[in-house]
C-alpha cells in the first residue's frame, strides 16, 4: 500500500485526559496514535454529514509559527 503524505503535529493535552485517552485506546485495541486518527476521522465524517463535503484542495495548511510569548509558561496551568 502506498504511503500517503503524512503530517506530524504536536497536541497539548493535560495529563489526566491523556491517561484517560490511553485507557480508552487500550480498551478498544488501538495504540494512542491510531485512536486519535479514529476520533479525528469520526469527527470529520460527522462534520461532512452535517455541513457537506470538505474539498481538501481548498484548505491551506498554515505555516508553523513560534509559540507566542508566555504560552510555554502557561501551558501547565490549564
C-alpha atoms as a PDB file:
ATOM      1  CA  UNK A   1       0.000   0.000   0.000  1.00  0.00           C
ATOM      2  CA  UNK A   2       1.379   3.405  -0.969  1.00  0.00           C
ATOM      3  CA  UNK A   3       2.196   5.777   1.880  1.00  0.00           C
ATOM      4  CA  UNK A   4       0.034   8.917   1.873  1.00  0.00           C
ATOM      5  CA  UNK A   5       1.534  12.292   2.671  1.00  0.00           C
ATOM      6  CA  UNK A   6       1.685  12.400   6.441  1.00  0.00           C
ATOM      7  CA  UNK A   7       1.674  15.479   8.656  1.00  0.00           C
ATOM      8  CA  UNK A   8       3.184  15.476  12.123  1.00  0.00           C
ATOM      9  CA  UNK A   9       1.949  17.979  14.684  1.00  0.00           C
ATOM     10  CA  UNK A  10       2.034  18.487  18.431  1.00  0.00           C
ATOM     11  CA  UNK A  11      -1.037  18.364  20.626  1.00  0.00           C
ATOM     12  CA  UNK A  12      -1.001  19.894  24.094  1.00  0.00           C
ATOM     13  CA  UNK A  13      -3.224  17.888  26.416  1.00  0.00           C
ATOM     14  CA  UNK A  14      -3.471  17.721  30.183  1.00  0.00           C
ATOM     15  CA  UNK A  15      -2.122  14.580  31.834  1.00  0.00           C
ATOM     16  CA  UNK A  16      -5.430  13.316  33.227  1.00  0.00           C
ATOM     17  CA  UNK A  17      -7.158  13.481  29.831  1.00  0.00           C
ATOM     18  CA  UNK A  18      -4.145  11.845  28.153  1.00  0.00           C
ATOM     19  CA  UNK A  19      -4.247   8.952  30.650  1.00  0.00           C
ATOM     20  CA  UNK A  20      -7.967   8.503  30.041  1.00  0.00           C
ATOM     21  CA  UNK A  21      -7.391   8.505  26.281  1.00  0.00           C
ATOM     22  CA  UNK A  22      -4.669   5.848  26.721  1.00  0.00           C
ATOM     23  CA  UNK A  23      -7.113   3.700  28.711  1.00  0.00           C
ATOM     24  CA  UNK A  24      -9.830   4.017  26.054  1.00  0.00           C
ATOM     25  CA  UNK A  25      -7.372   3.305  23.231  1.00  0.00           C
ATOM     26  CA  UNK A  26      -6.132   0.187  25.014  1.00  0.00           C
ATOM     27  CA  UNK A  27      -9.684  -0.995  25.724  1.00  0.00           C
ATOM     28  CA  UNK A  28     -10.501  -0.618  22.027  1.00  0.00           C
ATOM     29  CA  UNK A  29      -7.321  -2.400  20.898  1.00  0.00           C
ATOM     30  CA  UNK A  30      -5.584   0.635  19.412  1.00  0.00           C
ATOM     31  CA  UNK A  31      -2.377   2.466  20.127  1.00  0.00           C
ATOM     32  CA  UNK A  32      -2.858   6.102  21.057  1.00  0.00           C
ATOM     33  CA  UNK A  33      -1.912   7.405  17.567  1.00  0.00           C
ATOM     34  CA  UNK A  34      -4.435   5.144  15.825  1.00  0.00           C
ATOM     35  CA  UNK A  35      -7.052   6.031  18.416  1.00  0.00           C
ATOM     36  CA  UNK A  36      -6.556   9.751  17.745  1.00  0.00           C
ATOM     37  CA  UNK A  37      -6.800   9.133  13.984  1.00  0.00           C
ATOM     38  CA  UNK A  38     -10.026   7.173  14.564  1.00  0.00           C
ATOM     39  CA  UNK A  39     -11.508  10.064  16.585  1.00  0.00           C
ATOM     40  CA  UNK A  40     -10.447  12.656  14.008  1.00  0.00           C
ATOM     41  CA  UNK A  41     -11.926  10.603  11.140  1.00  0.00           C
ATOM     42  CA  UNK A  42     -15.213  10.242  13.056  1.00  0.00           C
ATOM     43  CA  UNK A  43     -15.331  13.988  13.698  1.00  0.00           C
ATOM     44  CA  UNK A  44     -14.600  14.884  10.058  1.00  0.00           C
ATOM     45  CA  UNK A  45     -17.208  12.385   8.820  1.00  0.00           C
ATOM     46  CA  UNK A  46     -19.802  13.904  11.170  1.00  0.00           C
ATOM     47  CA  UNK A  47     -18.911  17.450  10.076  1.00  0.00           C
ATOM     48  CA  UNK A  48     -19.234  16.468   6.399  1.00  0.00           C
ATOM     49  CA  UNK A  49     -22.611  14.787   7.012  1.00  0.00           C
ATOM     50  CA  UNK A  50     -23.903  17.958   8.649  1.00  0.00           C
ATOM     51  CA  UNK A  51     -22.188  20.634   6.518  1.00  0.00           C
ATOM     52  CA  UNK A  52     -21.246  18.949   3.250  1.00  0.00           C
ATOM     53  CA  UNK A  53     -18.050  17.543   1.829  1.00  0.00           C
ATOM     54  CA  UNK A  54     -14.776  19.352   2.552  1.00  0.00           C
ATOM     55  CA  UNK A  55     -12.596  19.903  -0.521  1.00  0.00           C
ATOM     56  CA  UNK A  56      -9.023  19.365   0.760  1.00  0.00           C
ATOM     57  CA  UNK A  57      -7.592  21.184  -2.261  1.00  0.00           C
ATOM     58  CA  UNK A  58      -9.160  24.399  -0.915  1.00  0.00           C
ATOM     59  CA  UNK A  59      -7.669  24.057   2.584  1.00  0.00           C
ATOM     60  CA  UNK A  60      -4.365  25.799   3.242  1.00  0.00           C
ATOM     61  CA  UNK A  61      -2.060  24.297   5.842  1.00  0.00           C
ATOM     62  CA  UNK A  62      -0.782  27.198   7.943  1.00  0.00           C
ATOM     63  CA  UNK A  63       2.941  27.730   8.301  1.00  0.00           C
ATOM     64  CA  UNK A  64       4.248  26.810  11.719  1.00  0.00           C
ATOM     65  CA  UNK A  65       4.524  29.805  13.955  1.00  0.00           C
ATOM     66  CA  UNK A  66       6.687  30.031  17.039  1.00  0.00           C
ATOM     67  CA  UNK A  67       4.934  29.823  20.395  1.00  0.00           C
ATOM     68  CA  UNK A  68       3.522  33.123  21.472  1.00  0.00           C
ATOM     69  CA  UNK A  69       5.223  34.794  24.448  1.00  0.00           C
ATOM     70  CA  UNK A  70       4.048  33.254  27.690  1.00  0.00           C
ATOM     71  CA  UNK A  71       2.491  30.204  26.020  1.00  0.00           C
ATOM     72  CA  UNK A  72       5.130  27.774  27.303  1.00  0.00           C
ATOM     73  CA  UNK A  73       4.971  29.288  30.796  1.00  0.00           C
ATOM     74  CA  UNK A  74       1.176  28.997  30.984  1.00  0.00           C
ATOM     75  CA  UNK A  75       0.971  25.558  29.336  1.00  0.00           C
ATOM     76  CA  UNK A  76       0.729  23.621  32.575  1.00  0.00           C
ATOM     77  CA  UNK A  77      -1.753  25.983  34.197  1.00  0.00           C
ATOM     78  CA  UNK A  78      -4.847  24.857  32.236  1.00  0.00           C
END
